[in-house]
Amino acid sequence: MMDDHTTHSSHPGIAKRLKRAEGHLRSVIAMIDAGRPCAEIAQQLHAVEMAVLQAKRALIHDHIDHCLTGGPSHDMAEIKALTRFL
């Protein structure tokens, strides 16, 4: 298995997605503070949730594609461990 601290080519894109989600989340907090309608807040929270979910999936898929090299039994155990996060 590769070093867990290895940066992959997908990591900058994942970080960019998470930074965008962070900005959206700050906007949601501002919406709450401003007393915006709950439906609007829920819609924006859903967008934040989907952005984080997509970033998580991209990270896990990248890990599966590039880091699983410990042999069939090791790789299968790690894949099973990762699936609980999907």
PDB file of N, CA and C in Angstrom:
ATOM      1  N   MET A   1       0.847  -1.168   0.000  1.00  0.00           N
ATOM      2  CA  MET A   1       0.000   0.000   0.000  1.00  0.00           C
ATOM      3  C   MET A   1       0.891   1.229   0.000  1.00  0.00           C
ATOM      4  N   MET A   2       0.443   2.300  -0.678  1.00  0.00           N
ATOM      5  CA  MET A   2       1.202   3.533  -0.730  1.00  0.00           C
ATOM      6  C   MET A   2       1.104   4.271   0.592  1.00  0.00           C
ATOM      7  N   ASP A   3       2.016   5.177   0.818  1.00  0.00           N
ATOM      8  CA  ASP A   3       2.006   6.031   2.005  1.00  0.00           C
ATOM      9  C   ASP A   3       0.695   6.802   2.055  1.00  0.00           C
ATOM     10  N   ASP A   4       0.059   6.829   3.231  1.00  0.00           N
ATOM     11  CA  ASP A   4      -1.217   7.513   3.389  1.00  0.00           C
ATOM     12  C   ASP A   4      -1.106   9.020   3.179  1.00  0.00           C
ATOM     13  N   HIS A   5       0.105   9.572   3.204  1.00  0.00           N
ATOM     14  CA  HIS A   5       0.287  11.008   3.076  1.00  0.00           C
ATOM     15  C   HIS A   5       0.627  11.414   1.650  1.00  0.00           C
ATOM     16  N   THR A   6       0.510  10.517   0.721  1.00  0.00           N
ATOM     17  CA  THR A   6       0.813  10.797  -0.670  1.00  0.00           C
ATOM     18  C   THR A   6      -0.273  11.681  -1.262  1.00  0.00           C
ATOM     19  N   THR A   7       0.139  12.702  -1.975  1.00  0.00           N
ATOM     20  CA  THR A   7      -0.809  13.562  -2.673  1.00  0.00           C
ATOM     21  C   THR A   7      -1.001  13.006  -4.075  1.00  0.00           C
ATOM     22  N   HIS A   8      -2.230  12.888  -4.473  1.00  0.00           N
ATOM     23  CA  HIS A   8      -2.564  12.375  -5.798  1.00  0.00           C
ATOM     24  C   HIS A   8      -3.041  13.517  -6.682  1.00  0.00           C
ATOM     25  N   SER A   9      -3.058  13.283  -7.953  1.00  0.00           N
ATOM     26  CA  SER A   9      -3.461  14.330  -8.893  1.00  0.00           C
ATOM     27  C   SER A   9      -4.903  14.787  -8.665  1.00  0.00           C
ATOM     28  N   SER A  10      -5.724  13.948  -8.057  1.00  0.00           N
ATOM     29  CA  SER A  10      -7.117  14.324  -7.807  1.00  0.00           C
ATOM     30  C   SER A  10      -7.278  15.201  -6.567  1.00  0.00           C
ATOM     31  N   HIS A  11      -6.297  15.228  -5.689  1.00  0.00           N
ATOM     32  CA  HIS A  11      -6.441  15.947  -4.419  1.00  0.00           C
ATOM     33  C   HIS A  11      -6.687  17.446  -4.569  1.00  0.00           C
ATOM     34  N   PRO A  12      -5.997  18.158  -5.477  1.00  0.00           N
ATOM     35  CA  PRO A  12      -6.312  19.587  -5.620  1.00  0.00           C
ATOM     36  C   PRO A  12      -7.763  19.833  -6.036  1.00  0.00           C
ATOM     37  N   GLY A  13      -8.285  19.006  -6.904  1.00  0.00           N
ATOM     38  CA  GLY A  13      -9.683  19.147  -7.315  1.00  0.00           C
ATOM     39  C   GLY A  13     -10.641  18.856  -6.177  1.00  0.00           C
ATOM     40  N   ILE A  14     -10.303  17.867  -5.373  1.00  0.00           N
ATOM     41  CA  ILE A  14     -11.131  17.529  -4.213  1.00  0.00           C
ATOM     42  C   ILE A  14     -11.097  18.674  -3.209  1.00  0.00           C
ATOM     43  N   ALA A  15      -9.904  19.225  -2.975  1.00  0.00           N
ATOM     44  CA  ALA A  15      -9.781  20.360  -2.057  1.00  0.00           C
ATOM     45  C   ALA A  15     -10.589  21.557  -2.572  1.00  0.00           C
ATOM     46  N   LYS A  16     -10.560  21.773  -3.871  1.00  0.00           N
ATOM     47  CA  LYS A  16     -11.324  22.874  -4.472  1.00  0.00           C
ATOM     48  C   LYS A  16     -12.822  22.680  -4.239  1.00  0.00           C
ATOM     49  N   ARG A  17     -13.304  21.458  -4.417  1.00  0.00           N
ATOM     50  CA  ARG A  17     -14.722  21.163  -4.152  1.00  0.00           C
ATOM     51  C   ARG A  17     -15.081  21.441  -2.695  1.00  0.00           C
ATOM     52  N   LEU A  18     -14.197  21.023  -1.794  1.00  0.00           N
ATOM     53  CA  LEU A  18     -14.466  21.212  -0.366  1.00  0.00           C
ATOM     54  C   LEU A  18     -14.425  22.688   0.023  1.00  0.00           C
ATOM     55  N   LYS A  19     -13.537  23.442  -0.578  1.00  0.00           N
ATOM     56  CA  LYS A  19     -13.488  24.889  -0.311  1.00  0.00           C
ATOM     57  C   LYS A  19     -14.762  25.564  -0.813  1.00  0.00           C
ATOM     58  N   ARG A  20     -15.250  25.120  -1.954  1.00  0.00           N
ATOM     59  CA  ARG A  20     -16.506  25.654  -2.476  1.00  0.00           C
ATOM     60  C   ARG A  20     -17.651  25.306  -1.529  1.00  0.00           C
ATOM     61  N   ALA A  21     -17.678  24.071  -1.051  1.00  0.00           N
ATOM     62  CA  ALA A  21     -18.711  23.652  -0.093  1.00  0.00           C
ATOM     63  C   ALA A  21     -18.607  24.459   1.189  1.00  0.00           C
ATOM     64  N   GLU A  22     -17.380  24.751   1.613  1.00  0.00           N
ATOM     65  CA  GLU A  22     -17.172  25.563   2.815  1.00  0.00           C
ATOM     66  C   GLU A  22     -17.783  26.952   2.632  1.00  0.00           C
ATOM     67  N   GLY A  23     -17.581  27.537   1.469  1.00  0.00           N
ATOM     68  CA  GLY A  23     -18.172  28.846   1.174  1.00  0.00           C
ATOM     69  C   GLY A  23     -19.689  28.783   1.183  1.00  0.00           C
ATOM     70  N   HIS A  24     -20.236  27.726   0.606  1.00  0.00           N
ATOM     71  CA  HIS A  24     -21.697  27.560   0.605  1.00  0.00           C
ATOM     72  C   HIS A  24     -22.219  27.389   2.030  1.00  0.00           C
ATOM     73  N   LEU A  25     -21.492  26.641   2.834  1.00  0.00           N
ATOM     74  CA  LEU A  25     -21.921  26.424   4.215  1.00  0.00           C
ATOM     75  C   LEU A  25     -21.924  27.743   4.990  1.00  0.00           C
ATOM     76  N   ARG A  26     -20.931  28.571   4.765  1.00  0.00           N
ATOM     77  CA  ARG A  26     -20.919  29.899   5.395  1.00  0.00           C
ATOM     78  C   ARG A  26     -22.120  30.717   4.954  1.00  0.00           C
ATOM     79  N   SER A  27     -22.492  30.591   3.682  1.00  0.00           N
ATOM     80  CA  SER A  27     -23.678  31.287   3.180  1.00  0.00           C
ATOM     81  C   SER A  27     -24.945  30.785   3.864  1.00  0.00           C
ATOM     82  N   VAL A  28     -25.006  29.488   4.099  1.00  0.00           N
ATOM     83  CA  VAL A  28     -26.163  28.903   4.785  1.00  0.00           C
ATOM     84  C   VAL A  28     -26.264  29.475   6.204  1.00  0.00           C
ATOM     85  N   ILE A  29     -25.146  29.567   6.881  1.00  0.00           N
ATOM     86  CA  ILE A  29     -25.150  30.128   8.234  1.00  0.00           C
ATOM     87  C   ILE A  29     -25.646  31.571   8.191  1.00  0.00           C
ATOM     88  N   ALA A  30     -25.193  32.335   7.203  1.00  0.00           N
ATOM     89  CA  ALA A  30     -25.655  33.720   7.049  1.00  0.00           C
ATOM     90  C   ALA A  30     -27.153  33.757   6.767  1.00  0.00           C
ATOM     91  N   MET A  31     -27.639  32.806   5.978  1.00  0.00           N
ATOM     92  CA  MET A  31     -29.077  32.736   5.691  1.00  0.00           C
ATOM     93  C   MET A  31     -29.870  32.496   6.974  1.00  0.00           C
ATOM     94  N   ILE A  32     -29.360  31.605   7.816  1.00  0.00           N
ATOM     95  CA  ILE A  32     -30.031  31.320   9.091  1.00  0.00           C
ATOM     96  C   ILE A  32     -30.044  32.572   9.954  1.00  0.00           C
ATOM     97  N   ASP A  33     -28.890  33.224  10.054  1.00  0.00           N
ATOM     98  CA  ASP A  33     -28.784  34.441  10.852  1.00  0.00           C
ATOM     99  C   ASP A  33     -29.702  35.543  10.337  1.00  0.00           C
ATOM    100  N   ALA A  34     -29.926  35.566   9.025  1.00  0.00           N
ATOM    101  CA  ALA A  34     -30.782  36.587   8.405  1.00  0.00           C
ATOM    102  C   ALA A  34     -32.257  36.230   8.457  1.00  0.00           C
ATOM    103  N   GLY A  35     -32.575  35.027   8.932  1.00  0.00           N
ATOM    104  CA  GLY A  35     -33.972  34.620   9.033  1.00  0.00           C
ATOM    105  C   GLY A  35     -34.614  34.246   7.710  1.00  0.00           C
ATOM    106  N   ARG A  36     -33.814  33.748   6.781  1.00  0.00           N
ATOM    107  CA  ARG A  36     -34.342  33.338   5.467  1.00  0.00           C
ATOM    108  C   ARG A  36     -35.282  32.149   5.639  1.00  0.00           C
ATOM    109  N   PRO A  37     -36.169  31.944   4.674  1.00  0.00           N
ATOM    110  CA  PRO A  37     -37.131  30.837   4.760  1.00  0.00           C
ATOM    111  C   PRO A  37     -36.443  29.474   4.850  1.00  0.00           C
ATOM    112  N   CYS A  38     -37.040  28.604   5.633  1.00  0.00           N
ATOM    113  CA  CYS A  38     -36.474  27.271   5.865  1.00  0.00           C
ATOM    114  C   CYS A  38     -36.287  26.477   4.580  1.00  0.00           C
ATOM    115  N   ALA A  39     -37.206  26.610   3.636  1.00  0.00           N
ATOM    116  CA  ALA A  39     -37.086  25.863   2.378  1.00  0.00           C
ATOM    117  C   ALA A  39     -35.828  26.279   1.617  1.00  0.00           C
ATOM    118  N   GLU A  40     -35.526  27.578   1.624  1.00  0.00           N
ATOM    119  CA  GLU A  40     -34.310  28.051   0.954  1.00  0.00           C
ATOM    120  C   GLU A  40     -33.061  27.533   1.656  1.00  0.00           C
ATOM    121  N   ILE A  41     -33.092  27.556   2.986  1.00  0.00           N
ATOM    122  CA  ILE A  41     -31.954  27.058   3.759  1.00  0.00           C
ATOM    123  C   ILE A  41     -31.757  25.572   3.510  1.00  0.00           C
ATOM    124  N   ALA A  42     -32.836  24.819   3.511  1.00  0.00           N
ATOM    125  CA  ALA A  42     -32.753  23.373   3.284  1.00  0.00           C
ATOM    126  C   ALA A  42     -32.189  23.077   1.899  1.00  0.00           C
ATOM    127  N   GLN A  43     -32.600  23.855   0.904  1.00  0.00           N
ATOM    128  CA  GLN A  43     -32.091  23.655  -0.449  1.00  0.00           C
ATOM    129  C   GLN A  43     -30.581  23.884  -0.488  1.00  0.00           C
ATOM    130  N   GLN A  44     -30.106  24.922   0.162  1.00  0.00           N
ATOM    131  CA  GLN A  44     -28.681  25.205   0.176  1.00  0.00           C
ATOM    132  C   GLN A  44     -27.904  24.170   0.982  1.00  0.00           C
ATOM    133  N   LEU A  45     -28.480  23.713   2.078  1.00  0.00           N
ATOM    134  CA  LEU A  45     -27.842  22.648   2.857  1.00  0.00           C
ATOM    135  C   LEU A  45     -27.720  21.368   2.037  1.00  0.00           C
ATOM    136  N   HIS A  46     -28.728  21.092   1.237  1.00  0.00           N
ATOM    137  CA  HIS A  46     -28.675  19.921   0.367  1.00  0.00           C
ATOM    138  C   HIS A  46     -27.524  20.061  -0.632  1.00  0.00           C
ATOM    139  N   ALA A  47     -27.331  21.249  -1.169  1.00  0.00           N
ATOM    140  CA  ALA A  47     -26.235  21.484  -2.111  1.00  0.00           C
ATOM    141  C   ALA A  47     -24.883  21.267  -1.430  1.00  0.00           C
ATOM    142  N   VAL A  48     -24.752  21.736  -0.189  1.00  0.00           N
ATOM    143  CA  VAL A  48     -23.513  21.532   0.567  1.00  0.00           C
ATOM    144  C   VAL A  48     -23.291  20.042   0.797  1.00  0.00           C
ATOM    145  N   GLU A  49     -24.339  19.363   1.201  1.00  0.00           N
ATOM    146  CA  GLU A  49     -24.252  17.924   1.468  1.00  0.00           C
ATOM    147  C   GLU A  49     -23.811  17.163   0.222  1.00  0.00           C
ATOM    148  N   MET A  50     -24.375  17.491  -0.930  1.00  0.00           N
ATOM    149  CA  MET A  50     -24.019  16.803  -2.172  1.00  0.00           C
ATOM    150  C   MET A  50     -22.574  17.102  -2.576  1.00  0.00           C
ATOM    151  N   ALA A  51     -22.130  18.332  -2.363  1.00  0.00           N
ATOM    152  CA  ALA A  51     -20.750  18.683  -2.694  1.00  0.00           C
ATOM    153  C   ALA A  51     -19.770  17.884  -1.843  1.00  0.00           C
ATOM    154  N   VAL A  52     -20.050  17.754  -0.561  1.00  0.00           N
ATOM    155  CA  VAL A  52     -19.183  16.982   0.329  1.00  0.00           C
ATOM    156  C   VAL A  52     -19.232  15.508  -0.045  1.00  0.00           C
ATOM    157  N   LEU A  53     -20.415  15.005  -0.352  1.00  0.00           N
ATOM    158  CA  LEU A  53     -20.557  13.606  -0.757  1.00  0.00           C
ATOM    159  C   LEU A  53     -19.751  13.316  -2.018  1.00  0.00           C
ATOM    160  N   GLN A  54     -19.826  14.197  -2.998  1.00  0.00           N
ATOM    161  CA  GLN A  54     -19.071  13.994  -4.235  1.00  0.00           C
ATOM    162  C   GLN A  54     -17.566  14.036  -3.988  1.00  0.00           C
ATOM    163  N   ALA A  55     -17.128  14.932  -3.109  1.00  0.00           N
ATOM    164  CA  ALA A  55     -15.701  15.000  -2.778  1.00  0.00           C
ATOM    165  C   ALA A  55     -15.257  13.716  -2.093  1.00  0.00           C
ATOM    166  N   LYS A  56     -16.074  13.218  -1.184  1.00  0.00           N
ATOM    167  CA  LYS A  56     -15.745  11.978  -0.476  1.00  0.00           C
ATOM    168  C   LYS A  56     -15.657  10.805  -1.446  1.00  0.00           C
ATOM    169  N   ARG A  57     -16.617  10.705  -2.330  1.00  0.00           N
ATOM    170  CA  ARG A  57     -16.598   9.614  -3.308  1.00  0.00           C
ATOM    171  C   ARG A  57     -15.376   9.701  -4.210  1.00  0.00           C
ATOM    172  N   ALA A  58     -15.045  10.902  -4.659  1.00  0.00           N
ATOM    173  CA  ALA A  58     -13.875  11.074  -5.523  1.00  0.00           C
ATOM    174  C   ALA A  58     -12.609  10.647  -4.796  1.00  0.00           C
ATOM    175  N   LEU A  59     -12.496  11.013  -3.522  1.00  0.00           N
ATOM    176  CA  LEU A  59     -11.321  10.630  -2.739  1.00  0.00           C
ATOM    177  C   LEU A  59     -11.229   9.119  -2.588  1.00  0.00           C
ATOM    178  N   ILE A  60     -12.332   8.478  -2.273  1.00  0.00           N
ATOM    179  CA  ILE A  60     -12.332   7.026  -2.088  1.00  0.00           C
ATOM    180  C   ILE A  60     -12.050   6.312  -3.403  1.00  0.00           C
ATOM    181  N   HIS A  61     -12.666   6.755  -4.483  1.00  0.00           N
ATOM    182  CA  HIS A  61     -12.422   6.121  -5.780  1.00  0.00           C
ATOM    183  C   HIS A  61     -10.969   6.295  -6.198  1.00  0.00           C
ATOM    184  N   ASP A  62     -10.399   7.477  -5.939  1.00  0.00           N
ATOM    185  CA  ASP A  62      -8.991   7.704  -6.250  1.00  0.00           C
ATOM    186  C   ASP A  62      -8.106   6.759  -5.434  1.00  0.00           C
ATOM    187  N   HIS A  63      -8.443   6.591  -4.184  1.00  0.00           N
ATOM    188  CA  HIS A  63      -7.670   5.698  -3.329  1.00  0.00           C
ATOM    189  C   HIS A  63      -7.728   4.265  -3.863  1.00  0.00           C
ATOM    190  N   ILE A  64      -8.901   3.830  -4.227  1.00  0.00           N
ATOM    191  CA  ILE A  64      -9.055   2.476  -4.766  1.00  0.00           C
ATOM    192  C   ILE A  64      -8.246   2.320  -6.056  1.00  0.00           C
ATOM    193  N   ASP A  65      -8.299   3.333  -6.916  1.00  0.00           N
ATOM    194  CA  ASP A  65      -7.597   3.264  -8.203  1.00  0.00           C
ATOM    195  C   ASP A  65      -6.081   3.304  -8.071  1.00  0.00           C
ATOM    196  N   HIS A  66      -5.565   4.016  -7.072  1.00  0.00           N
ATOM    197  CA  HIS A  66      -4.131   4.268  -7.035  1.00  0.00           C
ATOM    198  C   HIS A  66      -3.370   3.702  -5.841  1.00  0.00           C
ATOM    199  N   CYS A  67      -4.072   3.313  -4.792  1.00  0.00           N
ATOM    200  CA  CYS A  67      -3.359   2.964  -3.561  1.00  0.00           C
ATOM    201  C   CYS A  67      -3.469   1.501  -3.158  1.00  0.00           C
ATOM    202  N   LEU A  68      -4.366   0.775  -3.732  1.00  0.00           N
ATOM    203  CA  LEU A  68      -4.532  -0.608  -3.310  1.00  0.00           C
ATOM    204  C   LEU A  68      -3.574  -1.495  -4.088  1.00  0.00           C
ATOM    205  N   THR A  69      -2.461  -1.824  -3.431  1.00  0.00           N
ATOM    206  CA  THR A  69      -1.435  -2.634  -4.082  1.00  0.00           C
ATOM    207  C   THR A  69      -0.886  -3.691  -3.141  1.00  0.00           C
ATOM    208  N   GLY A  70      -1.592  -3.970  -2.063  1.00  0.00           N
ATOM    209  CA  GLY A  70      -1.082  -4.892  -1.054  1.00  0.00           C
ATOM    210  C   GLY A  70      -1.398  -6.346  -1.314  1.00  0.00           C
ATOM    211  N   GLY A  71      -1.939  -6.670  -2.449  1.00  0.00           N
ATOM    212  CA  GLY A  71      -2.304  -8.045  -2.754  1.00  0.00           C
ATOM    213  C   GLY A  71      -3.799  -8.244  -2.626  1.00  0.00           C
ATOM    214  N   PRO A  72      -4.325  -9.287  -3.275  1.00  0.00           N
ATOM    215  CA  PRO A  72      -5.777  -9.485  -3.331  1.00  0.00           C
ATOM    216  C   PRO A  72      -6.476  -9.506  -1.966  1.00  0.00           C
ATOM    217  N   SER A  73      -5.948 -10.236  -0.990  1.00  0.00           N
ATOM    218  CA  SER A  73      -6.669 -10.318   0.285  1.00  0.00           C
ATOM    219  C   SER A  73      -6.593  -9.000   1.040  1.00  0.00           C
ATOM    220  N   HIS A  74      -5.452  -8.336   0.987  1.00  0.00           N
ATOM    221  CA  HIS A  74      -5.316  -7.035   1.648  1.00  0.00           C
ATOM    222  C   HIS A  74      -6.215  -6.005   0.975  1.00  0.00           C
ATOM    223  N   ASP A  75      -6.196  -5.968  -0.349  1.00  0.00           N
ATOM    224  CA  ASP A  75      -7.001  -5.007  -1.089  1.00  0.00           C
ATOM    225  C   ASP A  75      -8.485  -5.207  -0.812  1.00  0.00           C
ATOM    226  N   MET A  76      -8.940  -6.442  -0.774  1.00  0.00           N
ATOM    227  CA  MET A  76     -10.359  -6.712  -0.536  1.00  0.00           C
ATOM    228  C   MET A  76     -10.759  -6.237   0.855  1.00  0.00           C
ATOM    229  N   ALA A  77      -9.935  -6.462   1.849  1.00  0.00           N
ATOM    230  CA  ALA A  77     -10.249  -6.008   3.206  1.00  0.00           C
ATOM    231  C   ALA A  77     -10.324  -4.487   3.249  1.00  0.00           C
ATOM    232  N   GLU A  78      -9.413  -3.825   2.557  1.00  0.00           N
ATOM    233  CA  GLU A  78      -9.424  -2.364   2.549  1.00  0.00           C
ATOM    234  C   GLU A  78     -10.629  -1.827   1.783  1.00  0.00           C
ATOM    235  N   ILE A  79     -10.973  -2.464   0.687  1.00  0.00           N
ATOM    236  CA  ILE A  79     -12.163  -2.050  -0.066  1.00  0.00           C
ATOM    237  C   ILE A  79     -13.401  -2.190   0.807  1.00  0.00           C
ATOM    238  N   LYS A  80     -13.508  -3.289   1.522  1.00  0.00           N
ATOM    239  CA  LYS A  80     -14.654  -3.480   2.412  1.00  0.00           C
ATOM    240  C   LYS A  80     -14.696  -2.399   3.485  1.00  0.00           C
ATOM    241  N   ALA A  81     -13.542  -2.046   4.026  1.00  0.00           N
ATOM    242  CA  ALA A  81     -13.491  -0.991   5.042  1.00  0.00           C
ATOM    243  C   ALA A  81     -13.911   0.350   4.450  1.00  0.00           C
ATOM    244  N   LEU A  82     -13.506   0.623   3.210  1.00  0.00           N
ATOM    245  CA  LEU A  82     -13.848   1.892   2.570  1.00  0.00           C
ATOM    246  C   LEU A  82     -15.327   2.008   2.232  1.00  0.00           C
ATOM    247  N   THR A  83     -15.965   0.893   1.924  1.00  0.00           N
ATOM    248  CA  THR A  83     -17.360   0.949   1.494  1.00  0.00           C
ATOM    249  C   THR A  83     -18.290   1.473   2.577  1.00  0.00           C
ATOM    250  N   ARG A  84     -17.894   1.399   3.816  1.00  0.00           N
ATOM    251  CA  ARG A  84     -18.773   1.931   4.867  1.00  0.00           C
ATOM    252  C   ARG A  84     -18.868   3.446   4.799  1.00  0.00           C
ATOM    253  N   PHE A  85     -17.958   4.091   4.075  1.00  0.00           N
ATOM    254  CA  PHE A  85     -17.995   5.539   3.938  1.00  0.00           C
ATOM    255  C   PHE A  85     -18.760   5.989   2.694  1.00  0.00           C
ATOM    256  N   LEU A  86     -19.143   5.072   1.836  1.00  0.00           N
ATOM    257  CA  LEU A  86     -19.852   5.442   0.594  1.00  0.00           C
ATOM    258  C   LEU A  86     -21.333   5.588   0.817  1.00  0.00           C
TER     259      LEU A  86
END
